[in-house]
Amino acid sequence: MLIVLLILVPFLMPIPMLVLMLFTSLLQAFVFTLLAMMYISGAMEEGH
């Protein structure tokens, strides 16, 4: 049982890092989209 766990550890260790990387990428895409929408809406506004 212990040997099986030791064999599987190198394959299971990257999973939390991949999840964190995926979350970070999605958050970055959301923030970029939000900023782009704010910039475009500000550029399309008519002046006073």
C-alpha atoms as a PDB file:
ATOM      1  CA  MET A   1       0.000   0.000   0.000  1.00  0.00           C
ATOM      2  CA  LEU A   2       2.760   2.449   0.912  1.00  0.00           C
ATOM      3  CA  ILE A   3       4.680   1.603  -2.239  1.00  0.00           C
ATOM      4  CA  VAL A   4       1.628   2.326  -4.378  1.00  0.00           C
ATOM      5  CA  LEU A   5       1.251   5.727  -2.694  1.00  0.00           C
ATOM      6  CA  LEU A   6       4.919   6.510  -3.218  1.00  0.00           C
ATOM      7  CA  ILE A   7       4.591   5.623  -6.878  1.00  0.00           C
ATOM      8  CA  LEU A   8       1.489   7.826  -7.313  1.00  0.00           C
ATOM      9  CA  VAL A   9       2.821  10.899  -5.459  1.00  0.00           C
ATOM     10  CA  PRO A  10       4.753  12.350  -8.438  1.00  0.00           C
ATOM     11  CA  PHE A  11       1.607  12.126 -10.563  1.00  0.00           C
ATOM     12  CA  LEU A  12      -0.727  13.607  -7.932  1.00  0.00           C
ATOM     13  CA  MET A  13       1.445  16.486  -6.697  1.00  0.00           C
ATOM     14  CA  PRO A  14       1.000  18.764  -9.757  1.00  0.00           C
ATOM     15  CA  ILE A  15      -2.817  18.674  -9.526  1.00  0.00           C
ATOM     16  CA  PRO A  16      -3.195  21.438  -6.868  1.00  0.00           C
ATOM     17  CA  MET A  17      -0.768  23.657  -8.789  1.00  0.00           C
ATOM     18  CA  LEU A  18      -2.698  23.101 -12.020  1.00  0.00           C
ATOM     19  CA  VAL A  19      -5.951  24.048 -10.284  1.00  0.00           C
ATOM     20  CA  LEU A  20      -4.345  27.192  -8.860  1.00  0.00           C
ATOM     21  CA  MET A  21      -2.931  28.086 -12.278  1.00  0.00           C
ATOM     22  CA  LEU A  22      -6.338  27.592 -13.901  1.00  0.00           C
ATOM     23  CA  PHE A  23      -8.028  29.808 -11.287  1.00  0.00           C
ATOM     24  CA  THR A  24      -5.387  32.511 -11.735  1.00  0.00           C
ATOM     25  CA  SER A  25      -5.768  32.422 -15.524  1.00  0.00           C
ATOM     26  CA  LEU A  26      -9.545  32.728 -15.321  1.00  0.00           C
ATOM     27  CA  LEU A  27      -9.286  35.616 -12.866  1.00  0.00           C
ATOM     28  CA  GLN A  28      -6.772  37.385 -15.101  1.00  0.00           C
ATOM     29  CA  ALA A  29      -9.019  36.941 -18.156  1.00  0.00           C
ATOM     30  CA  PHE A  30     -11.991  38.318 -16.205  1.00  0.00           C
ATOM     31  CA  VAL A  31     -10.078  41.393 -15.017  1.00  0.00           C
ATOM     32  CA  PHE A  32      -8.687  42.083 -18.499  1.00  0.00           C
ATOM     33  CA  THR A  33     -12.166  41.819 -20.029  1.00  0.00           C
ATOM     34  CA  LEU A  34     -13.603  44.126 -17.384  1.00  0.00           C
ATOM     35  CA  LEU A  35     -10.884  46.733 -17.933  1.00  0.00           C
ATOM     36  CA  ALA A  36     -11.246  46.525 -21.716  1.00  0.00           C
ATOM     37  CA  MET A  37     -15.016  47.035 -21.439  1.00  0.00           C
ATOM     38  CA  MET A  38     -14.519  50.068 -19.187  1.00  0.00           C
ATOM     39  CA  TYR A  39     -11.952  51.574 -21.587  1.00  0.00           C
ATOM     40  CA  ILE A  40     -14.108  51.014 -24.670  1.00  0.00           C
ATOM     41  CA  SER A  41     -17.241  52.396 -23.008  1.00  0.00           C
ATOM     42  CA  GLY A  42     -15.273  55.461 -21.899  1.00  0.00           C
ATOM     43  CA  ALA A  43     -13.951  55.996 -25.421  1.00  0.00           C
ATOM     44  CA  MET A  44     -17.442  55.738 -26.938  1.00  0.00           C
ATOM     45  CA  GLU A  45     -18.968  58.250 -24.508  1.00  0.00           C
ATOM     46  CA  GLU A  46     -19.824  61.643 -25.880  1.00  0.00           C
ATOM     47  CA  GLY A  47     -18.034  64.613 -24.375  1.00  0.00           C
ATOM     48  CA  HIS A  48     -19.778  67.154 -22.195  1.00  0.00           C
END
